[in-house]
Amino acid sequence: MTKTLRSVRRLATLLACAAGFAAGGSALAAGGAGLQHANVSLDDVASMQRGARLFFNYCAGCHSLQYLRYSRIAEDLQLDPKDVEKNFMFAGGKIGDHAISTLSAADGTAWFGKAPPDLSLEARSKGVDWIYTYLKSFHVDPTRPLGWNNTLFENASMPNVLWELQGVQVLAPKGEAHGDGQAAGAHGSSPFALRSPGSQTPEQFDQTVRDITAFLQYAGEPAALKRESMGVWVLLYLAFFTFLAYLLKHEFWKDVH
């Protein structure tokens, strides 16, 4: 009777865990609703190289990568250290320095109401899809202090630093037709209308945002590049070791019947 009761309790525990996992998966799916797929990969070194240049030209004036050194970026992304010094380190310093913004926390608070956050772990914290969608979701909002707002992160203090590339977009009234023939708010359509075009086409801007996202994904875990490259050799070693273990076992037990 006691053994039967224990079995029932174990079964109930397993069912409760399964329900918890299912609920957690549903919650994660709901939290990711509306996010666009970034489609970035740590295998695309060229994308991360472009993303690094874009980050240091458009983002590093306010945001730091305090856990990442310029020398590490040069090594991991196969960049010439002198190129990094020239195109990334606008405030001077040494190639071994951490990528710290020159904007002080006091000035950031005074200008934006809150000091811009360090972005070293942004991709690990929010995910690459969140970053990709966020950078594409700015629109003009005259009610905000800096004139910009964001549909993904409402009332964000950050201005749209990429507006010259993207163009100026506004929230389109619901029901207003877009260039794709769909109404704003319709399934699969954009809620924005382009007031004035930027220097890039929408496809080019998508790639620009994808490159920045790829670089921030790398910045969140620089060791992932080496870890993933070593993973193949580790698996090959384990397969070879398993084969040797099988031969050894076969040799030991060949006379046992």
Foldseek 3Di string as FASTA:
>chain_A
DVVVVVVVVVVVVVVVVVVVVVVVVVVVVVVCPPFDDLPADPVCLVLLVLLLLVCQVQPLQQAFLQVDFQLLCCVLSVHDLVCCQVRRVPVHDDRGHGSHHPDDQVNCCVQQVGRDYHLLQVCVVPNLSLQLQFLVFKAADVVQPVRIAGPSHGNHSDDNSCCQQAAHKHFDPAPDAAPVRDGQPPPPDHRIHHPTGHPYDPVVVSSNSSSNSNNSVCSNPVCVSVVVVCVVVVVVVVVVVVVVVVVVVCVVCVPPD
